[in-house]
Amino acid sequence: MYLAGDAIGEANQQGQPVVDDDFLLLLNACHDEIAFVLPSFRPRVRWRRLVDTSSGEIISADKRYASGSIYPLSGRSLVLLRQTRIAK
């Protein structure tokens, strides 16, 4: 599921559009690993992994994945990725 930070459709008190980061939620109910190709809605911006339920490690805030690269989505897992939007 892709949640676009610029598609909120709300305005703040100054009338400016409310914008947030983009989020990508990956779910794999199968027991096999899936090679998931990360979308390239904004190609030069990298995805940052926030949550990976298959990982026994503490998530590193510095771990990033390029758009178009493959994310190895482990079986029976959930992954949450974020792309930060630069405010204009």
Protein backbone atom coordinates (compact mmCIF):
# COMPACT_ATOMS: atom_id res chain seq x y z
CA MET A 1 0.00 0.00 0.00
CA TYR A 2 1.41 3.37 -1.06
CA LEU A 3 0.46 6.48 0.93
CA ALA A 4 1.39 9.65 -0.97
CA GLY A 5 2.27 12.54 1.33
CA ASP A 6 1.09 15.11 -1.20
CA ALA A 7 -2.37 13.53 -1.60
CA ILE A 8 -3.75 14.44 1.83
CA GLY A 9 -6.19 16.94 0.35
CA GLU A 10 -6.22 19.26 3.36
CA ALA A 11 -5.02 22.83 3.86
CA ASN A 12 -3.44 24.35 6.96
CA GLN A 13 -4.59 27.59 8.65
CA GLN A 14 -2.60 29.65 6.13
CA GLY A 15 -4.33 27.92 3.21
CA GLN A 16 -1.22 25.96 2.19
CA PRO A 17 -1.60 22.27 1.29
CA VAL A 18 -0.72 19.85 4.07
CA VAL A 19 2.13 17.61 2.88
CA ASP A 20 3.78 14.67 4.63
CA ASP A 21 6.34 11.99 3.79
CA ASP A 22 5.44 9.10 1.46
CA PHE A 23 4.99 5.67 3.05
CA LEU A 24 5.05 2.19 1.54
CA LEU A 25 3.62 -0.77 3.46
CA LEU A 26 4.63 -4.23 2.22
CA LEU A 27 2.90 -7.40 3.45
CA ASN A 28 3.86 -10.97 2.63
CA ALA A 29 1.50 -13.67 3.94
CA CYS A 30 3.30 -16.43 2.02
CA HIS A 31 6.10 -18.45 3.62
CA ASP A 32 8.40 -17.77 0.63
CA GLU A 33 10.51 -14.64 0.21
CA ILE A 34 9.32 -12.20 -2.47
CA ALA A 35 11.68 -9.97 -4.44
CA PHE A 36 9.71 -6.69 -4.30
CA VAL A 37 10.77 -3.93 -6.70
CA LEU A 38 10.55 -0.59 -4.92
CA PRO A 39 8.50 1.96 -6.86
CA SER A 40 10.14 4.99 -8.38
CA PHE A 41 7.52 7.70 -7.98
CA ARG A 42 10.37 10.07 -7.13
CA PRO A 43 13.42 8.29 -8.57
CA ARG A 44 16.28 10.20 -6.94
CA VAL A 45 14.85 9.83 -3.45
CA ARG A 46 15.69 6.73 -1.44
CA TRP A 47 13.35 4.65 0.69
CA ARG A 48 14.25 4.41 4.39
CA ARG A 49 13.25 1.24 6.25
CA LEU A 50 11.35 1.97 9.47
CA VAL A 51 9.99 -1.48 10.35
CA ASP A 52 10.77 -5.03 9.22
CA THR A 53 9.11 -7.70 11.34
CA SER A 54 11.38 -10.44 9.98
CA SER A 55 14.52 -8.69 11.20
CA GLY A 56 15.88 -9.59 14.60
CA GLU A 57 18.12 -6.52 14.47
CA ILE A 58 17.44 -2.99 15.60
CA ILE A 59 16.43 -1.01 12.52
CA SER A 60 19.19 1.35 11.42
CA ALA A 61 18.00 4.84 10.51
CA ASP A 62 20.83 5.04 7.98
CA LYS A 63 19.72 2.02 5.90
CA ARG A 64 18.24 3.28 2.61
CA TYR A 65 17.08 1.62 -0.60
CA ALA A 66 17.11 3.17 -4.07
CA SER A 67 13.90 3.44 -6.06
CA GLY A 68 13.76 0.59 -8.56
CA SER A 69 15.93 -1.66 -6.42
CA ILE A 70 14.76 -5.01 -5.07
CA TYR A 71 13.72 -5.38 -1.44
CA PRO A 72 13.85 -9.01 -0.24
CA LEU A 73 10.47 -9.27 1.51
CA SER A 74 10.72 -12.23 3.87
CA GLY A 75 7.92 -14.71 4.27
CA ARG A 76 5.15 -13.84 6.72
CA SER A 77 6.45 -10.35 7.35
CA LEU A 78 5.53 -6.69 7.27
CA VAL A 79 7.82 -3.86 6.15
CA LEU A 80 7.23 -0.11 6.42
CA LEU A 81 9.36 2.22 4.28
CA ARG A 82 9.38 6.04 4.11
CA GLN A 83 10.50 8.64 1.57
CA THR A 84 11.01 12.08 3.05
CA ARG A 85 9.46 14.96 1.12
CA ILE A 86 11.34 18.23 0.94
CA ALA A 87 9.03 21.14 1.74
CA LYS A 88 8.84 23.70 -1.08
